[in-house]
């Protein structure tokens, strides 16, 4: 199983690291949202409200409730109510919903895109390598260099022995 995963993700190092970092960032934002009071906008029940004089009036389960609307930005006809505690409510705020959607979904989407780019890059590089196998390994040594290396390794070559003895040839003495 681990060999299969290694083959699947080989040659994608930076893409994997980036995708993991973005995934962890999105998970941190998700954890923060799950602990914030604005979670009610995602999990609560939407109820129609009427706002008069800075107070929103809404009803849920046959009971009337009020909610203080202190900001002029929060004029909305929708209130999100906690079904277990209808007095706990939050006025709809599209800016907060959009911000949470982007901060949570953005890193996850970027992580998936980064992986997709990594897979596409790896696929393209493999196709090019299969199309021109000689380009993947270089051209090797030129023939002149190969000839000089072969000549050095021939038995009985005085130059090779002299270099092996620290530069002194066969008949010379070292002090």
C-alpha atoms as a PDB file:
ATOM      1  CA  UNK A   1       0.000   0.000   0.000  1.00  0.00           C
ATOM      2  CA  UNK A   2       2.779   2.482   0.859  1.00  0.00           C
ATOM      3  CA  UNK A   3       4.601   1.694  -2.395  1.00  0.00           C
ATOM      4  CA  UNK A   4       1.422   2.448  -4.305  1.00  0.00           C
ATOM      5  CA  UNK A   5       1.061   5.781  -2.514  1.00  0.00           C
ATOM      6  CA  UNK A   6       4.715   6.608  -3.161  1.00  0.00           C
ATOM      7  CA  UNK A   7       4.299   5.914  -6.858  1.00  0.00           C
ATOM      8  CA  UNK A   8       1.108   7.935  -6.917  1.00  0.00           C
ATOM      9  CA  UNK A   9       2.728  11.014  -5.381  1.00  0.00           C
ATOM     10  CA  UNK A  10       6.299  10.705  -6.689  1.00  0.00           C
ATOM     11  CA  UNK A  11       7.854  13.817  -8.226  1.00  0.00           C
ATOM     12  CA  UNK A  12       5.253  16.064  -6.551  1.00  0.00           C
ATOM     13  CA  UNK A  13       7.103  17.141  -3.376  1.00  0.00           C
ATOM     14  CA  UNK A  14       6.398  20.889  -3.330  1.00  0.00           C
ATOM     15  CA  UNK A  15       2.829  20.414  -4.517  1.00  0.00           C
ATOM     16  CA  UNK A  16       2.127  17.927  -1.712  1.00  0.00           C
ATOM     17  CA  UNK A  17       3.642  20.195   0.941  1.00  0.00           C
ATOM     18  CA  UNK A  18       1.639  23.186  -0.300  1.00  0.00           C
ATOM     19  CA  UNK A  19      -1.591  21.191  -0.451  1.00  0.00           C
ATOM     20  CA  UNK A  20      -1.093  19.871   3.098  1.00  0.00           C
ATOM     21  CA  UNK A  21      -0.378  23.371   4.433  1.00  0.00           C
ATOM     22  CA  UNK A  22      -3.500  24.765   2.754  1.00  0.00           C
ATOM     23  CA  UNK A  23      -5.594  21.840   3.987  1.00  0.00           C
ATOM     24  CA  UNK A  24      -4.393  22.431   7.565  1.00  0.00           C
ATOM     25  CA  UNK A  25      -5.124  26.158   7.245  1.00  0.00           C
ATOM     26  CA  UNK A  26      -8.666  25.418   6.055  1.00  0.00           C
ATOM     27  CA  UNK A  27      -9.101  22.963   8.936  1.00  0.00           C
ATOM     28  CA  UNK A  28      -7.993  25.623  11.435  1.00  0.00           C
ATOM     29  CA  UNK A  29     -10.541  28.066  10.008  1.00  0.00           C
ATOM     30  CA  UNK A  30     -13.219  25.376  10.126  1.00  0.00           C
ATOM     31  CA  UNK A  31     -12.403  24.638  13.769  1.00  0.00           C
ATOM     32  CA  UNK A  32     -12.599  28.334  14.622  1.00  0.00           C
ATOM     33  CA  UNK A  33     -15.960  28.653  12.872  1.00  0.00           C
ATOM     34  CA  UNK A  34     -17.349  25.595  14.658  1.00  0.00           C
ATOM     35  CA  UNK A  35     -16.591  27.300  17.976  1.00  0.00           C
ATOM     36  CA  UNK A  36     -17.895  30.754  17.052  1.00  0.00           C
ATOM     37  CA  UNK A  37     -21.419  32.042  17.593  1.00  0.00           C
ATOM     38  CA  UNK A  38     -21.763  32.715  13.866  1.00  0.00           C
ATOM     39  CA  UNK A  39     -22.144  28.955  13.352  1.00  0.00           C
ATOM     40  CA  UNK A  40     -25.844  29.586  13.963  1.00  0.00           C
ATOM     41  CA  UNK A  41     -26.064  31.110  10.473  1.00  0.00           C
ATOM     42  CA  UNK A  42     -25.135  27.693   9.043  1.00  0.00           C
ATOM     43  CA  UNK A  43     -26.912  25.340  11.439  1.00  0.00           C
ATOM     44  CA  UNK A  44     -29.889  27.390  12.620  1.00  0.00           C
ATOM     45  CA  UNK A  45     -33.392  27.535  11.236  1.00  0.00           C
ATOM     46  CA  UNK A  46     -34.121  30.557   9.046  1.00  0.00           C
ATOM     47  CA  UNK A  47     -37.150  32.531  10.220  1.00  0.00           C
ATOM     48  CA  UNK A  48     -38.695  35.670   8.748  1.00  0.00           C
ATOM     49  CA  UNK A  49     -38.385  38.762  10.934  1.00  0.00           C
ATOM     50  CA  UNK A  50     -39.702  42.300  10.956  1.00  0.00           C
ATOM     51  CA  UNK A  51     -37.439  45.121  12.134  1.00  0.00           C
ATOM     52  CA  UNK A  52     -38.812  48.259  13.813  1.00  0.00           C
ATOM     53  CA  UNK A  53     -36.787  50.824  15.718  1.00  0.00           C
ATOM     54  CA  UNK A  54     -33.647  48.720  16.032  1.00  0.00           C
ATOM     55  CA  UNK A  55     -35.485  45.598  17.239  1.00  0.00           C
ATOM     56  CA  UNK A  56     -36.211  42.540  15.112  1.00  0.00           C
ATOM     57  CA  UNK A  57     -39.431  40.668  15.887  1.00  0.00           C
ATOM     58  CA  UNK A  58     -39.724  37.015  14.947  1.00  0.00           C
ATOM     59  CA  UNK A  59     -41.788  34.024  15.948  1.00  0.00           C
ATOM     60  CA  UNK A  60     -40.793  30.391  16.262  1.00  0.00           C
ATOM     61  CA  UNK A  61     -42.893  27.487  17.458  1.00  0.00           C
ATOM     62  CA  UNK A  62     -45.874  29.783  18.123  1.00  0.00           C
ATOM     63  CA  UNK A  63     -43.878  32.065  20.488  1.00  0.00           C
ATOM     64  CA  UNK A  64     -42.864  35.662  19.831  1.00  0.00           C
ATOM     65  CA  UNK A  65     -39.222  36.704  20.314  1.00  0.00           C
ATOM     66  CA  UNK A  66     -37.187  39.873  19.857  1.00  0.00           C
ATOM     67  CA  UNK A  67     -33.602  40.497  18.834  1.00  0.00           C
ATOM     68  CA  UNK A  68     -31.638  43.723  19.240  1.00  0.00           C
ATOM     69  CA  UNK A  69     -30.393  45.048  15.893  1.00  0.00           C
ATOM     70  CA  UNK A  70     -27.866  47.677  16.911  1.00  0.00           C
ATOM     71  CA  UNK A  71     -26.021  48.076  13.627  1.00  0.00           C
ATOM     72  CA  UNK A  72     -27.580  49.706  10.563  1.00  0.00           C
ATOM     73  CA  UNK A  73     -25.693  47.133   8.460  1.00  0.00           C
ATOM     74  CA  UNK A  74     -27.746  44.311   9.911  1.00  0.00           C
ATOM     75  CA  UNK A  75     -31.125  45.228   8.434  1.00  0.00           C
ATOM     76  CA  UNK A  76     -32.333  41.901   7.162  1.00  0.00           C
ATOM     77  CA  UNK A  77     -35.598  40.051   6.941  1.00  0.00           C
ATOM     78  CA  UNK A  78     -34.089  36.765   8.128  1.00  0.00           C
ATOM     79  CA  UNK A  79     -33.142  35.567  11.588  1.00  0.00           C
ATOM     80  CA  UNK A  80     -31.371  32.266  12.258  1.00  0.00           C
ATOM     81  CA  UNK A  81     -32.801  30.537  15.313  1.00  0.00           C
ATOM     82  CA  UNK A  82     -31.375  27.713  17.413  1.00  0.00           C
ATOM     83  CA  UNK A  83     -34.217  25.127  17.358  1.00  0.00           C
ATOM     84  CA  UNK A  84     -33.320  23.925  20.861  1.00  0.00           C
ATOM     85  CA  UNK A  85     -33.284  27.455  22.290  1.00  0.00           C
ATOM     86  CA  UNK A  86     -35.383  29.817  20.117  1.00  0.00           C
ATOM     87  CA  UNK A  87     -34.405  32.865  22.185  1.00  0.00           C
ATOM     88  CA  UNK A  88     -30.838  32.312  20.941  1.00  0.00           C
ATOM     89  CA  UNK A  89     -30.921  33.863  17.486  1.00  0.00           C
ATOM     90  CA  UNK A  90     -28.753  35.769  15.069  1.00  0.00           C
ATOM     91  CA  UNK A  91     -29.713  38.224  12.365  1.00  0.00           C
ATOM     92  CA  UNK A  92     -28.631  37.195   8.878  1.00  0.00           C
ATOM     93  CA  UNK A  93     -25.398  38.808   7.763  1.00  0.00           C
ATOM     94  CA  UNK A  94     -24.353  37.926   4.199  1.00  0.00           C
ATOM     95  CA  UNK A  95     -20.892  39.486   4.664  1.00  0.00           C
ATOM     96  CA  UNK A  96     -20.078  37.134   7.543  1.00  0.00           C
ATOM     97  CA  UNK A  97     -21.459  34.140   5.632  1.00  0.00           C
ATOM     98  CA  UNK A  98     -19.401  34.982   2.549  1.00  0.00           C
ATOM     99  CA  UNK A  99     -16.271  35.610   4.617  1.00  0.00           C
ATOM    100  CA  UNK A 100     -16.625  32.263   6.383  1.00  0.00           C
ATOM    101  CA  UNK A 101     -17.301  30.488   3.112  1.00  0.00           C
ATOM    102  CA  UNK A 102     -14.185  31.966   1.497  1.00  0.00           C
ATOM    103  CA  UNK A 103     -11.889  31.456   4.509  1.00  0.00           C
ATOM    104  CA  UNK A 104     -12.942  27.831   4.929  1.00  0.00           C
ATOM    105  CA  UNK A 105     -13.630  26.760   1.363  1.00  0.00           C
ATOM    106  CA  UNK A 106     -10.816  28.791  -0.197  1.00  0.00           C
ATOM    107  CA  UNK A 107      -7.887  26.876   1.324  1.00  0.00           C
ATOM    108  CA  UNK A 108      -9.584  23.531   0.645  1.00  0.00           C
ATOM    109  CA  UNK A 109     -10.227  24.494  -2.991  1.00  0.00           C
ATOM    110  CA  UNK A 110      -6.675  25.836  -3.371  1.00  0.00           C
ATOM    111  CA  UNK A 111      -5.333  22.597  -1.894  1.00  0.00           C
ATOM    112  CA  UNK A 112      -7.296  20.539  -4.421  1.00  0.00           C
ATOM    113  CA  UNK A 113      -6.151  22.807  -7.284  1.00  0.00           C
ATOM    114  CA  UNK A 114      -2.538  22.519  -6.184  1.00  0.00           C
ATOM    115  CA  UNK A 115      -2.789  18.730  -6.205  1.00  0.00           C
ATOM    116  CA  UNK A 116      -4.446  18.824  -9.635  1.00  0.00           C
ATOM    117  CA  UNK A 117      -1.623  21.018 -10.996  1.00  0.00           C
ATOM    118  CA  UNK A 118       0.936  18.641  -9.473  1.00  0.00           C
ATOM    119  CA  UNK A 119      -0.675  15.599 -11.082  1.00  0.00           C
ATOM    120  CA  UNK A 120      -0.910  17.410 -14.434  1.00  0.00           C
ATOM    121  CA  UNK A 121       2.757  18.460 -14.230  1.00  0.00           C
ATOM    122  CA  UNK A 122       3.866  14.955 -13.342  1.00  0.00           C
ATOM    123  CA  UNK A 123       1.815  13.495 -16.191  1.00  0.00           C
ATOM    124  CA  UNK A 124       3.243  15.993 -18.680  1.00  0.00           C
ATOM    125  CA  UNK A 125       6.817  15.312 -17.533  1.00  0.00           C
ATOM    126  CA  UNK A 126       6.298  11.549 -17.841  1.00  0.00           C
ATOM    127  CA  UNK A 127       4.869  11.938 -21.344  1.00  0.00           C
ATOM    128  CA  UNK A 128       7.860  14.044 -22.416  1.00  0.00           C
ATOM    129  CA  UNK A 129      10.297  11.565 -20.849  1.00  0.00           C
ATOM    130  CA  UNK A 130       8.638   8.647 -22.664  1.00  0.00           C
ATOM    131  CA  UNK A 131       8.633  10.548 -25.948  1.00  0.00           C
ATOM    132  CA  UNK A 132      12.374  11.337 -25.772  1.00  0.00           C
ATOM    133  CA  UNK A 133      14.112   8.903 -23.426  1.00  0.00           C
ATOM    134  CA  UNK A 134      17.596  10.129 -24.376  1.00  0.00           C
ATOM    135  CA  UNK A 135      16.781  13.632 -23.099  1.00  0.00           C
ATOM    136  CA  UNK A 136      15.896  12.331 -19.652  1.00  0.00           C
ATOM    137  CA  UNK A 137      19.394  11.004 -18.965  1.00  0.00           C
ATOM    138  CA  UNK A 138      21.591  13.473 -20.810  1.00  0.00           C
ATOM    139  CA  UNK A 139      23.860  12.764 -23.747  1.00  0.00           C
ATOM    140  CA  UNK A 140      26.704  11.111 -21.850  1.00  0.00           C
ATOM    141  CA  UNK A 141      30.392  11.768 -22.358  1.00  0.00           C
ATOM    142  CA  UNK A 142      31.762  12.893 -25.678  1.00  0.00           C
ATOM    143  CA  UNK A 143      33.861  10.372 -27.631  1.00  0.00           C
ATOM    144  CA  UNK A 144      37.162  12.248 -27.041  1.00  0.00           C
ATOM    145  CA  UNK A 145      36.749  12.062 -23.272  1.00  0.00           C
ATOM    146  CA  UNK A 146      35.885   8.370 -23.468  1.00  0.00           C
ATOM    147  CA  UNK A 147      39.034   7.704 -25.553  1.00  0.00           C
ATOM    148  CA  UNK A 148      41.283   9.502 -23.031  1.00  0.00           C
ATOM    149  CA  UNK A 149      39.732   7.574 -20.121  1.00  0.00           C
ATOM    150  CA  UNK A 150      40.200   4.268 -21.954  1.00  0.00           C
ATOM    151  CA  UNK A 151      43.805   5.069 -22.772  1.00  0.00           C
ATOM    152  CA  UNK A 152      44.527   5.821 -19.085  1.00  0.00           C
ATOM    153  CA  UNK A 153      43.224   2.452 -17.996  1.00  0.00           C
ATOM    154  CA  UNK A 154      45.289   0.352 -20.397  1.00  0.00           C
ATOM    155  CA  UNK A 155      47.777  -1.894 -18.589  1.00  0.00           C
ATOM    156  CA  UNK A 156      51.448  -0.888 -18.777  1.00  0.00           C
ATOM    157  CA  UNK A 157      50.765   2.808 -19.148  1.00  0.00           C
ATOM    158  CA  UNK A 158      53.603   4.662 -17.380  1.00  0.00           C
ATOM    159  CA  UNK A 159      51.654   7.874 -16.973  1.00  0.00           C
ATOM    160  CA  UNK A 160      48.937   6.157 -14.942  1.00  0.00           C
ATOM    161  CA  UNK A 161      51.406   4.495 -12.539  1.00  0.00           C
ATOM    162  CA  UNK A 162      53.359   7.688 -12.113  1.00  0.00           C
ATOM    163  CA  UNK A 163      50.275   9.580 -11.102  1.00  0.00           C
ATOM    164  CA  UNK A 164      49.309   6.826  -8.683  1.00  0.00           C
ATOM    165  CA  UNK A 165      52.715   7.130  -6.941  1.00  0.00           C
ATOM    166  CA  UNK A 166      52.300  10.788  -6.221  1.00  0.00           C
ATOM    167  CA  UNK A 167      53.684  12.144  -9.462  1.00  0.00           C
ATOM    168  CA  UNK A 168      56.928  10.162  -9.465  1.00  0.00           C
ATOM    169  CA  UNK A 169      57.528   8.037 -12.548  1.00  0.00           C
ATOM    170  CA  UNK A 170      58.886   4.442 -12.573  1.00  0.00           C
ATOM    171  CA  UNK A 171      62.512   5.032 -12.190  1.00  0.00           C
ATOM    172  CA  UNK A 172      62.452   8.046  -9.936  1.00  0.00           C
ATOM    173  CA  UNK A 173      63.016   7.851  -6.266  1.00  0.00           C
ATOM    174  CA  UNK A 174      61.030   9.638  -3.693  1.00  0.00           C
ATOM    175  CA  UNK A 175      62.726  11.294  -0.758  1.00  0.00           C
END
